[in-house]
PDB file of N, CA and C in Angstrom:
ATOM      1  N   MET A   1      -3.408  15.461  -8.597  1.00  0.00           N
ATOM      2  CA  MET A   1      -3.485  14.434  -7.589  1.00  0.00           C
ATOM      3  C   MET A   1      -2.861  14.983  -6.304  1.00  0.00           C
ATOM      4  N   PRO A   2      -3.644  15.019  -5.226  1.00  0.00           N
ATOM      5  CA  PRO A   2      -3.133  15.580  -3.971  1.00  0.00           C
ATOM      6  C   PRO A   2      -1.998  14.752  -3.369  1.00  0.00           C
ATOM      7  N   GLN A   3      -1.111  15.445  -2.691  1.00  0.00           N
ATOM      8  CA  GLN A   3      -0.044  14.812  -1.922  1.00  0.00           C
ATOM      9  C   GLN A   3      -0.412  14.942  -0.448  1.00  0.00           C
ATOM     10  N   VAL A   4      -0.342  13.835   0.261  1.00  0.00           N
ATOM     11  CA  VAL A   4      -0.669  13.833   1.683  1.00  0.00           C
ATOM     12  C   VAL A   4       0.597  13.505   2.455  1.00  0.00           C
ATOM     13  N   GLU A   5       0.819  14.249   3.520  1.00  0.00           N
ATOM     14  CA  GLU A   5       1.964  13.995   4.380  1.00  0.00           C
ATOM     15  C   GLU A   5       1.493  13.129   5.540  1.00  0.00           C
ATOM     16  N   VAL A   6       2.115  11.956   5.691  1.00  0.00           N
ATOM     17  CA  VAL A   6       1.769  11.061   6.797  1.00  0.00           C
ATOM     18  C   VAL A   6       3.039  10.739   7.570  1.00  0.00           C
ATOM     19  N   THR A   7       2.863  10.404   8.838  1.00  0.00           N
ATOM     20  CA  THR A   7       3.993  10.055   9.685  1.00  0.00           C
ATOM     21  C   THR A   7       3.807   8.634  10.196  1.00  0.00           C
ATOM     22  N   ILE A   8       4.801   7.807   9.940  1.00  0.00           N
ATOM     23  CA  ILE A   8       4.805   6.437  10.441  1.00  0.00           C
ATOM     24  C   ILE A   8       6.165   6.193  11.078  1.00  0.00           C
ATOM     25  N   ASN A   9       6.129   5.796  12.340  1.00  0.00           N
ATOM     26  CA  ASN A   9       7.350   5.553  13.117  1.00  0.00           C
ATOM     27  C   ASN A   9       8.267   6.775  13.104  1.00  0.00           C
ATOM     28  N   ASN A  10       7.653   7.925  13.315  1.00  0.00           N
ATOM     29  CA  ASN A  10       8.362   9.206  13.394  1.00  0.00           C
ATOM     30  C   ASN A  10       9.071   9.592  12.097  1.00  0.00           C
ATOM     31  N   ARG A  11       8.677   9.009  10.989  1.00  0.00           N
ATOM     32  CA  ARG A  11       9.214   9.387   9.680  1.00  0.00           C
ATOM     33  C   ARG A  11       8.074   9.940   8.840  1.00  0.00           C
ATOM     34  N   ILE A  12       8.372  11.005   8.127  1.00  0.00           N
ATOM     35  CA  ILE A  12       7.359  11.665   7.305  1.00  0.00           C
ATOM     36  C   ILE A  12       7.451  11.129   5.880  1.00  0.00           C
ATOM     37  N   TYR A  13       6.282  10.801   5.331  1.00  0.00           N
ATOM     38  CA  TYR A  13       6.191  10.297   3.962  1.00  0.00           C
ATOM     39  C   TYR A  13       5.190  11.151   3.192  1.00  0.00           C
ATOM     40  N   GLN A  14       5.527  11.466   1.947  1.00  0.00           N
ATOM     41  CA  GLN A  14       4.608  12.153   1.042  1.00  0.00           C
ATOM     42  C   GLN A  14       3.960  11.081   0.165  1.00  0.00           C
ATOM     43  N   ILE A  15       2.640  10.963   0.250  1.00  0.00           N
ATOM     44  CA  ILE A  15       1.911   9.932  -0.480  1.00  0.00           C
ATOM     45  C   ILE A  15       0.865  10.602  -1.367  1.00  0.00           C
ATOM     46  N   ALA A  16       0.816  10.193  -2.622  1.00  0.00           N
ATOM     47  CA  ALA A  16      -0.205  10.703  -3.544  1.00  0.00           C
ATOM     48  C   ALA A  16      -1.486   9.900  -3.355  1.00  0.00           C
ATOM     49  N   CYS A  17      -2.620  10.573  -3.540  1.00  0.00           N
ATOM     50  CA  CYS A  17      -3.907   9.887  -3.434  1.00  0.00           C
ATOM     51  C   CYS A  17      -4.902  10.542  -4.385  1.00  0.00           C
ATOM     52  N   ASP A  18      -6.009   9.866  -4.588  1.00  0.00           N
ATOM     53  CA  ASP A  18      -7.065  10.420  -5.428  1.00  0.00           C
ATOM     54  C   ASP A  18      -7.718  11.605  -4.736  1.00  0.00           C
ATOM     55  N   GLU A  19      -8.304  12.460  -5.527  1.00  0.00           N
ATOM     56  CA  GLU A  19      -9.019  13.633  -5.020  1.00  0.00           C
ATOM     57  C   GLU A  19     -10.076  13.191  -4.007  1.00  0.00           C
ATOM     58  N   GLY A  20     -10.094  13.837  -2.848  1.00  0.00           N
ATOM     59  CA  GLY A  20     -11.096  13.549  -1.832  1.00  0.00           C
ATOM     60  C   GLY A  20     -10.752  12.374  -0.927  1.00  0.00           C
ATOM     61  N   GLN A  21      -9.621  11.732  -1.155  1.00  0.00           N
ATOM     62  CA  GLN A  21      -9.239  10.571  -0.355  1.00  0.00           C
ATOM     63  C   GLN A  21      -8.186  10.894   0.707  1.00  0.00           C
ATOM     64  N   ASP A  22      -7.818  12.163   0.825  1.00  0.00           N
ATOM     65  CA  ASP A  22      -6.727  12.525   1.722  1.00  0.00           C
ATOM     66  C   ASP A  22      -7.020  12.212   3.187  1.00  0.00           C
ATOM     67  N   GLU A  23      -8.225  12.496   3.666  1.00  0.00           N
ATOM     68  CA  GLU A  23      -8.553  12.215   5.069  1.00  0.00           C
ATOM     69  C   GLU A  23      -8.567  10.712   5.334  1.00  0.00           C
ATOM     70  N   HIS A  24      -9.089   9.969   4.377  1.00  0.00           N
ATOM     71  CA  HIS A  24      -9.109   8.509   4.518  1.00  0.00           C
ATOM     72  C   HIS A  24      -7.680   7.970   4.583  1.00  0.00           C
ATOM     73  N   LEU A  25      -6.817   8.470   3.715  1.00  0.00           N
ATOM     74  CA  LEU A  25      -5.422   8.043   3.709  1.00  0.00           C
ATOM     75  C   LEU A  25      -4.740   8.379   5.035  1.00  0.00           C
ATOM     76  N   LYS A  26      -5.029   9.550   5.579  1.00  0.00           N
ATOM     77  CA  LYS A  26      -4.448   9.941   6.869  1.00  0.00           C
ATOM     78  C   LYS A  26      -4.888   8.985   7.975  1.00  0.00           C
ATOM     79  N   ARG A  27      -6.182   8.605   7.970  1.00  0.00           N
ATOM     80  CA  ARG A  27      -6.678   7.658   8.985  1.00  0.00           C
ATOM     81  C   ARG A  27      -5.995   6.296   8.840  1.00  0.00           C
ATOM     82  N   LEU A  28      -5.814   5.858   7.605  1.00  0.00           N
ATOM     83  CA  LEU A  28      -5.126   4.585   7.383  1.00  0.00           C
ATOM     84  C   LEU A  28      -3.685   4.655   7.893  1.00  0.00           C
ATOM     85  N   ALA A  29      -3.016   5.758   7.601  1.00  0.00           N
ATOM     86  CA  ALA A  29      -1.635   5.926   8.052  1.00  0.00           C
ATOM     87  C   ALA A  29      -1.562   5.965   9.573  1.00  0.00           C
ATOM     88  N   GLU A  30      -2.532   6.602  10.216  1.00  0.00           N
ATOM     89  CA  GLU A  30      -2.569   6.627  11.681  1.00  0.00           C
ATOM     90  C   GLU A  30      -2.714   5.213  12.234  1.00  0.00           C
ATOM     91  N   TYR A  31      -3.533   4.405  11.580  1.00  0.00           N
ATOM     92  CA  TYR A  31      -3.724   3.029  12.024  1.00  0.00           C
ATOM     93  C   TYR A  31      -2.424   2.230  11.871  1.00  0.00           C
ATOM     94  N   VAL A  32      -1.766   2.389  10.728  1.00  0.00           N
ATOM     95  CA  VAL A  32      -0.496   1.694  10.504  1.00  0.00           C
ATOM     96  C   VAL A  32       0.529   2.154  11.533  1.00  0.00           C
ATOM     97  N   ASP A  33       0.599   3.455  11.776  1.00  0.00           N
ATOM     98  CA  ASP A  33       1.545   3.986  12.757  1.00  0.00           C
ATOM     99  C   ASP A  33       1.258   3.416  14.142  1.00  0.00           C
ATOM    100  N   LYS A  34      -0.004   3.308  14.493  1.00  0.00           N
ATOM    101  CA  LYS A  34      -0.379   2.734  15.796  1.00  0.00           C
ATOM    102  C   LYS A  34       0.138   1.303  15.908  1.00  0.00           C
ATOM    103  N   ARG A  35      -0.059   0.512  14.855  1.00  0.00           N
ATOM    104  CA  ARG A  35       0.412  -0.879  14.876  1.00  0.00           C
ATOM    105  C   ARG A  35       1.940  -0.925  14.968  1.00  0.00           C
ATOM    106  N   VAL A  36       2.625  -0.052  14.237  1.00  0.00           N
ATOM    107  CA  VAL A  36       4.088  -0.007  14.289  1.00  0.00           C
ATOM    108  C   VAL A  36       4.544   0.378  15.690  1.00  0.00           C
ATOM    109  N   GLN A  37       3.886   1.364  16.304  1.00  0.00           N
ATOM    110  CA  GLN A  37       4.270   1.787  17.648  1.00  0.00           C
ATOM    111  C   GLN A  37       4.062   0.672  18.671  1.00  0.00           C
ATOM    112  N   GLU A  38       3.010  -0.142  18.484  1.00  0.00           N
ATOM    113  CA  GLU A  38       2.802  -1.302  19.361  1.00  0.00           C
ATOM    114  C   GLU A  38       3.972  -2.278  19.232  1.00  0.00           C
ATOM    115  N   LEU A  39       4.431  -2.481  18.004  1.00  0.00           N
ATOM    116  CA  LEU A  39       5.579  -3.368  17.785  1.00  0.00           C
ATOM    117  C   LEU A  39       6.850  -2.785  18.397  1.00  0.00           C
ATOM    118  N   VAL A  40       7.043  -1.473  18.246  1.00  0.00           N
ATOM    119  CA  VAL A  40       8.217  -0.819  18.830  1.00  0.00           C
ATOM    120  C   VAL A  40       8.196  -0.990  20.341  1.00  0.00           C
ATOM    121  N   SER A  41       7.024  -0.847  20.954  1.00  0.00           N
ATOM    122  CA  SER A  41       6.914  -1.020  22.404  1.00  0.00           C
ATOM    123  C   SER A  41       7.277  -2.442  22.822  1.00  0.00           C
ATOM    124  N   ALA A  42       6.893  -3.409  22.005  1.00  0.00           N
ATOM    125  CA  ALA A  42       7.142  -4.809  22.344  1.00  0.00           C
ATOM    126  C   ALA A  42       8.555  -5.266  21.980  1.00  0.00           C
ATOM    127  N   LEU A  43       9.085  -4.766  20.861  1.00  0.00           N
ATOM    128  CA  LEU A  43      10.349  -5.289  20.332  1.00  0.00           C
ATOM    129  C   LEU A  43      11.494  -4.292  20.319  1.00  0.00           C
ATOM    130  N   GLY A  44      11.170  -3.012  20.436  1.00  0.00           N
ATOM    131  CA  GLY A  44      12.187  -1.983  20.279  1.00  0.00           C
ATOM    132  C   GLY A  44      12.319  -1.607  18.811  1.00  0.00           C
ATOM    133  N   GLN A  45      13.235  -0.689  18.534  1.00  0.00           N
ATOM    134  CA  GLN A  45      13.458  -0.256  17.147  1.00  0.00           C
ATOM    135  C   GLN A  45      14.305  -1.314  16.443  1.00  0.00           C
ATOM    136  N   VAL A  46      13.650  -2.169  15.677  1.00  0.00           N
ATOM    137  CA  VAL A  46      14.355  -3.251  14.981  1.00  0.00           C
ATOM    138  C   VAL A  46      14.553  -2.930  13.500  1.00  0.00           C
ATOM    139  N   GLY A  47      14.359  -1.689  13.135  1.00  0.00           N
ATOM    140  CA  GLY A  47      14.529  -1.257  11.745  1.00  0.00           C
ATOM    141  C   GLY A  47      13.188  -1.008  11.085  1.00  0.00           C
ATOM    142  N   ASP A  48      13.141   0.073  10.303  1.00  0.00           N
ATOM    143  CA  ASP A  48      11.887   0.462   9.653  1.00  0.00           C
ATOM    144  C   ASP A  48      11.323  -0.636   8.763  1.00  0.00           C
ATOM    145  N   SER A  49      12.181  -1.235   7.963  1.00  0.00           N
ATOM    146  CA  SER A  49      11.697  -2.260   7.030  1.00  0.00           C
ATOM    147  C   SER A  49      11.060  -3.421   7.775  1.00  0.00           C
ATOM    148  N   ARG A  50      11.737  -3.908   8.782  1.00  0.00           N
ATOM    149  CA  ARG A  50      11.208  -5.041   9.551  1.00  0.00           C
ATOM    150  C   ARG A  50       9.908  -4.656  10.254  1.00  0.00           C
ATOM    151  N   LEU A  51       9.861  -3.464  10.829  1.00  0.00           N
ATOM    152  CA  LEU A  51       8.642  -3.017  11.511  1.00  0.00           C
ATOM    153  C   LEU A  51       7.472  -2.902  10.539  1.00  0.00           C
ATOM    154  N   ILE A  52       7.724  -2.345   9.361  1.00  0.00           N
ATOM    155  CA  ILE A  52       6.658  -2.194   8.365  1.00  0.00           C
ATOM    156  C   ILE A  52       6.180  -3.561   7.889  1.00  0.00           C
ATOM    157  N   VAL A  53       7.114  -4.491   7.659  1.00  0.00           N
ATOM    158  CA  VAL A  53       6.721  -5.843   7.235  1.00  0.00           C
ATOM    159  C   VAL A  53       5.895  -6.516   8.326  1.00  0.00           C
ATOM    160  N   MET A  54       6.341  -6.418   9.569  1.00  0.00           N
ATOM    161  CA  MET A  54       5.616  -7.054  10.673  1.00  0.00           C
ATOM    162  C   MET A  54       4.233  -6.431  10.847  1.00  0.00           C
ATOM    163  N   ALA A  55       4.163  -5.102  10.781  1.00  0.00           N
ATOM    164  CA  ALA A  55       2.865  -4.425  10.902  1.00  0.00           C
ATOM    165  C   ALA A  55       1.955  -4.825   9.746  1.00  0.00           C
ATOM    166  N   SER A  56       2.512  -4.922   8.552  1.00  0.00           N
ATOM    167  CA  SER A  56       1.714  -5.335   7.387  1.00  0.00           C
ATOM    168  C   SER A  56       1.153  -6.734   7.584  1.00  0.00           C
ATOM    169  N   LEU A  57       1.964  -7.634   8.107  1.00  0.00           N
ATOM    170  CA  LEU A  57       1.496  -8.998   8.351  1.00  0.00           C
ATOM    171  C   LEU A  57       0.406  -9.031   9.424  1.00  0.00           C
ATOM    172  N   LEU A  58       0.567  -8.235  10.470  1.00  0.00           N
ATOM    173  CA  LEU A  58      -0.466  -8.169  11.514  1.00  0.00           C
ATOM    174  C   LEU A  58      -1.779  -7.637  10.950  1.00  0.00           C
ATOM    175  N   ILE A  59      -1.691  -6.591  10.144  1.00  0.00           N
ATOM    176  CA  ILE A  59      -2.890  -6.002   9.546  1.00  0.00           C
ATOM    177  C   ILE A  59      -3.518  -6.978   8.552  1.00  0.00           C
ATOM    178  N   ALA A  60      -2.691  -7.680   7.782  1.00  0.00           N
ATOM    179  CA  ALA A  60      -3.213  -8.680   6.846  1.00  0.00           C
ATOM    180  C   ALA A  60      -3.911  -9.802   7.603  1.00  0.00           C
ATOM    181  N   ASP A  61      -3.372 -10.181   8.758  1.00  0.00           N
ATOM    182  CA  ASP A  61      -4.005 -11.210   9.582  1.00  0.00           C
ATOM    183  C   ASP A  61      -5.359 -10.726  10.097  1.00  0.00           C
ATOM    184  N   GLU A  62      -5.423  -9.471  10.545  1.00  0.00           N
ATOM    185  CA  GLU A  62      -6.702  -8.900  10.990  1.00  0.00           C
ATOM    186  C   GLU A  62      -7.718  -8.922   9.851  1.00  0.00           C
ATOM    187  N   LEU A  63      -7.273  -8.533   8.666  1.00  0.00           N
ATOM    188  CA  LEU A  63      -8.144  -8.520   7.498  1.00  0.00           C
ATOM    189  C   LEU A  63      -8.633  -9.929   7.170  1.00  0.00           C
ATOM    190  N   SER A  64      -7.733 -10.893   7.232  1.00  0.00           N
ATOM    191  CA  SER A  64      -8.085 -12.282   6.946  1.00  0.00           C
ATOM    192  C   SER A  64      -9.128 -12.797   7.939  1.00  0.00           C
ATOM    193  N   GLU A  65      -8.929 -12.509   9.227  1.00  0.00           N
ATOM    194  CA  GLU A  65      -9.893 -12.930  10.251  1.00  0.00           C
ATOM    195  C   GLU A  65     -11.249 -12.269  10.030  1.00  0.00           C
ATOM    196  N   THR A  66     -11.242 -10.994   9.701  1.00  0.00           N
ATOM    197  CA  THR A  66     -12.489 -10.273   9.457  1.00  0.00           C
ATOM    198  C   THR A  66     -13.201 -10.836   8.240  1.00  0.00           C
ATOM    199  N   TYR A  67     -12.454 -11.131   7.189  1.00  0.00           N
ATOM    200  CA  TYR A  67     -13.030 -11.708   5.977  1.00  0.00           C
ATOM    201  C   TYR A  67     -13.658 -13.067   6.286  1.00  0.00           C
ATOM    202  N   ALA A  68     -12.970 -13.885   7.080  1.00  0.00           N
ATOM    203  CA  ALA A  68     -13.502 -15.202   7.450  1.00  0.00           C
ATOM    204  C   ALA A  68     -14.790 -15.056   8.258  1.00  0.00           C
ATOM    205  N   LYS A  69     -14.822 -14.086   9.171  1.00  0.00           N
ATOM    206  CA  LYS A  69     -16.038 -13.851   9.966  1.00  0.00           C
ATOM    207  C   LYS A  69     -17.195 -13.413   9.073  1.00  0.00           C
ATOM    208  N   LEU A  70     -16.906 -12.555   8.102  1.00  0.00           N
ATOM    209  CA  LEU A  70     -17.948 -12.109   7.174  1.00  0.00           C
ATOM    210  C   LEU A  70     -18.479 -13.271   6.341  1.00  0.00           C
ATOM    211  N   GLN A  71     -17.571 -14.117   5.872  1.00  0.00           N
ATOM    212  CA  GLN A  71     -18.002 -15.285   5.098  1.00  0.00           C
ATOM    213  C   GLN A  71     -18.861 -16.208   5.952  1.00  0.00           C
ATOM    214  N   ASN A  72     -18.460 -16.405   7.199  1.00  0.00           N
ATOM    215  CA  ASN A  72     -19.221 -17.257   8.110  1.00  0.00           C
ATOM    216  C   ASN A  72     -20.596 -16.658   8.373  1.00  0.00           C
ATOM    217  N   ALA A  73     -20.643 -15.356   8.598  1.00  0.00           N
ATOM    218  CA  ALA A  73     -21.928 -14.685   8.840  1.00  0.00           C
ATOM    219  C   ALA A  73     -22.821 -14.791   7.610  1.00  0.00           C
ATOM    220  N   ALA A  74     -22.248 -14.621   6.431  1.00  0.00           N
ATOM    221  CA  ALA A  74     -23.033 -14.733   5.197  1.00  0.00           C
ATOM    222  C   ALA A  74     -23.543 -16.155   5.022  1.00  0.00           C
ATOM    223  N   SER A  75     -22.718 -17.126   5.374  1.00  0.00           N
ATOM    224  CA  SER A  75     -23.114 -18.531   5.268  1.00  0.00           C
ATOM    225  C   SER A  75     -24.268 -18.837   6.213  1.00  0.00           C
ATOM    226  N   ILE A  76     -24.171 -18.343   7.447  1.00  0.00           N
ATOM    227  CA  ILE A  76     -25.240 -18.548   8.430  1.00  0.00           C
ATOM    228  C   ILE A  76     -26.519 -17.880   7.948  1.00  0.00           C
ATOM    229  N   LYS A  77     -26.389 -16.667   7.420  1.00  0.00           N
ATOM    230  CA  LYS A  77     -27.556 -15.947   6.918  1.00  0.00           C
ATOM    231  C   LYS A  77     -28.199 -16.718   5.767  1.00  0.00           C
ATOM    232  N   THR A  78     -27.367 -17.266   4.877  1.00  0.00           N
ATOM    233  CA  THR A  78     -27.880 -18.056   3.756  1.00  0.00           C
ATOM    234  C   THR A  78     -28.582 -19.310   4.264  1.00  0.00           C
ATOM    235  N   GLU A  79     -27.979 -19.986   5.235  1.00  0.00           N
ATOM    236  CA  GLU A  79     -28.596 -21.183   5.811  1.00  0.00           C
ATOM    237  C   GLU A  79     -29.942 -20.843   6.443  1.00  0.00           C
ATOM    238  N   ASP A  80     -29.995 -19.730   7.175  1.00  0.00           N
ATOM    239  CA  ASP A  80     -31.253 -19.300   7.791  1.00  0.00           C
ATOM    240  C   ASP A  80     -32.309 -19.027   6.729  1.00  0.00           C
ATOM    241  N   ALA A  81     -31.903 -18.392   5.635  1.00  0.00           N
ATOM    242  CA  ALA A  81     -32.846 -18.092   4.553  1.00  0.00           C
ATOM    243  C   ALA A  81     -33.362 -19.380   3.921  1.00  0.00           C
ATOM    244  N   VAL A  82     -32.486 -20.354   3.723  1.00  0.00           N
ATOM    245  CA  VAL A  82     -32.899 -21.641   3.151  1.00  0.00           C
ATOM    246  C   VAL A  82     -33.876 -22.341   4.092  1.00  0.00           C
ATOM    247  N   ILE A  83     -33.594 -22.315   5.378  1.00  0.00           N
ATOM    248  CA  ILE A  83     -34.496 -22.930   6.362  1.00  0.00           C
ATOM    249  C   ILE A  83     -35.857 -22.252   6.321  1.00  0.00           C
ATOM    250  N   ASN A  84     -35.874 -20.922   6.269  1.00  0.00           N
ATOM    251  CA  ASN A  84     -37.144 -20.188   6.229  1.00  0.00           C
ATOM    252  C   ASN A  84     -37.941 -20.524   4.975  1.00  0.00           C
ATOM    253  N   VAL A  85     -37.276 -20.565   3.829  1.00  0.00           N
ATOM    254  CA  VAL A  85     -37.959 -20.890   2.576  1.00  0.00           C
ATOM    255  C   VAL A  85     -38.484 -22.322   2.627  1.00  0.00           C
ATOM    256  N   THR A  86     -37.685 -23.223   3.163  1.00  0.00           N
ATOM    257  CA  THR A  86     -38.108 -24.626   3.278  1.00  0.00           C
ATOM    258  C   THR A  86     -39.324 -24.749   4.185  1.00  0.00           C
ATOM    259  N   GLU A  87     -39.306 -24.023   5.298  1.00  0.00           N
ATOM    260  CA  GLU A  87     -40.453 -24.058   6.218  1.00  0.00           C
ATOM    261  C   GLU A  87     -41.703 -23.498   5.550  1.00  0.00           C
ATOM    262  N   LEU A  88     -41.565 -22.405   4.817  1.00  0.00           N
ATOM    263  CA  LEU A  88     -42.710 -21.832   4.105  1.00  0.00           C
ATOM    264  C   LEU A  88     -43.237 -22.802   3.055  1.00  0.00           C
ATOM    265  N   ALA A  89     -42.327 -23.438   2.328  1.00  0.00           N
ATOM    266  CA  ALA A  89     -42.744 -24.411   1.312  1.00  0.00           C
ATOM    267  C   ALA A  89     -43.469 -25.581   1.965  1.00  0.00           C
ATOM    268  N   ALA A  90     -42.970 -26.052   3.095  1.00  0.00           N
ATOM    269  CA  ALA A  90     -43.613 -27.163   3.806  1.00  0.00           C
ATOM    270  C   ALA A  90     -45.010 -26.765   4.267  1.00  0.00           C
ATOM    271  N   GLN A  91     -45.156 -25.545   4.770  1.00  0.00           N
ATOM    272  CA  GLN A  91     -46.475 -25.073   5.208  1.00  0.00           C
ATOM    273  C   GLN A  91     -47.443 -25.018   4.033  1.00  0.00           C
ATOM    274  N   ARG A  92     -46.972 -24.533   2.898  1.00  0.00           N
ATOM    275  CA  ARG A  92     -47.844 -24.463   1.717  1.00  0.00           C
ATOM    276  C   ARG A  92     -48.242 -25.865   1.244  1.00  0.00           C
ATOM    277  N   ILE A  93     -47.272 -26.775   1.246  1.00  0.00           N
ATOM    278  CA  ILE A  93     -47.572 -28.153   0.835  1.00  0.00           C
ATOM    279  C   ILE A  93     -48.603 -28.773   1.774  1.00  0.00           C
ATOM    280  N   GLU A  94     -48.438 -28.560   3.070  1.00  0.00           N
ATOM    281  CA  GLU A  94     -49.399 -29.090   4.045  1.00  0.00           C
ATOM    282  C   GLU A  94     -50.781 -28.482   3.823  1.00  0.00           C
ATOM    283  N   HIS A  95     -50.817 -27.189   3.528  1.00  0.00           N
ATOM    284  CA  HIS A  95     -52.089 -26.508   3.282  1.00  0.00           C
ATOM    285  C   HIS A  95     -52.769 -27.086   2.040  1.00  0.00           C
ATOM    286  N   ILE A  96     -52.002 -27.280   0.966  1.00  0.00           N
ATOM    287  CA  ILE A  96     -52.551 -27.855  -0.270  1.00  0.00           C
ATOM    288  C   ILE A  96     -52.999 -29.291  -0.022  1.00  0.00           C
ATOM    289  N   ALA A  97     -52.210 -30.065   0.724  1.00  0.00           N
ATOM    290  CA  ALA A  97     -52.569 -31.452   1.031  1.00  0.00           C
ATOM    291  C   ALA A  97     -53.862 -31.507   1.828  1.00  0.00           C
ATOM    292  N   ALA A  98     -54.028 -30.584   2.768  1.00  0.00           N
ATOM    293  CA  ALA A  98     -55.259 -30.544   3.569  1.00  0.00           C
ATOM    294  C   ALA A  98     -56.458 -30.245   2.681  1.00  0.00           C
ATOM    295  N   LYS A  99     -56.281 -29.328   1.725  1.00  0.00           N
ATOM    296  CA  LYS A  99     -57.376 -29.011   0.801  1.00  0.00           C
ATOM    297  C   LYS A  99     -57.720 -30.223  -0.060  1.00  0.00           C
ATOM    298  N   LEU A 100     -56.692 -30.944  -0.527  1.00  0.00           N
ATOM    299  CA  LEU A 100     -56.925 -32.122  -1.361  1.00  0.00           C
ATOM    300  C   LEU A 100     -57.630 -33.227  -0.574  1.00  0.00           C
ATOM    301  N   GLU A 101     -57.277 -33.385   0.674  1.00  0.00           N
ATOM    302  CA  GLU A 101     -57.919 -34.400   1.509  1.00  0.00           C
ATOM    303  C   GLU A 101     -59.377 -34.052   1.763  1.00  0.00           C
ATOM    304  N   ALA A 102     -59.675 -32.766   1.830  1.00  0.00           N
ATOM    305  CA  ALA A 102     -61.049 -32.321   2.084  1.00  0.00           C
ATOM    306  C   ALA A 102     -61.934 -32.548   0.871  1.00  0.00           C
ATOM    307  N   VAL A 103     -61.339 -32.676  -0.293  1.00  0.00           N
ATOM    308  CA  VAL A 103     -62.118 -32.847  -1.527  1.00  0.00           C
ATOM    309  C   VAL A 103     -62.626 -34.215  -1.660  1.00  0.00           C
TER     310      VAL A 103
END
């Protein structure tokens, strides 16, 4: 299992990851470090633990918002599909009704 060295808030951490996941882990760590640095700029050095907790909460909030948007988009897509199927069914019913009236 590879060990990846990542830096968050100017501290180096050795993190184990699955084979082939090292670059992905580095990108994730860079993102976390970016969020921590934004907090440091706004609040100063308030301690590693507090910064990591705050960054984790911010990232969790981003994830929650993204998940809600995806659910909303899926719901809209489902509604659109139901409308399309209903319209097609109505057209077929009208077509069959027209044929029956012609008989």
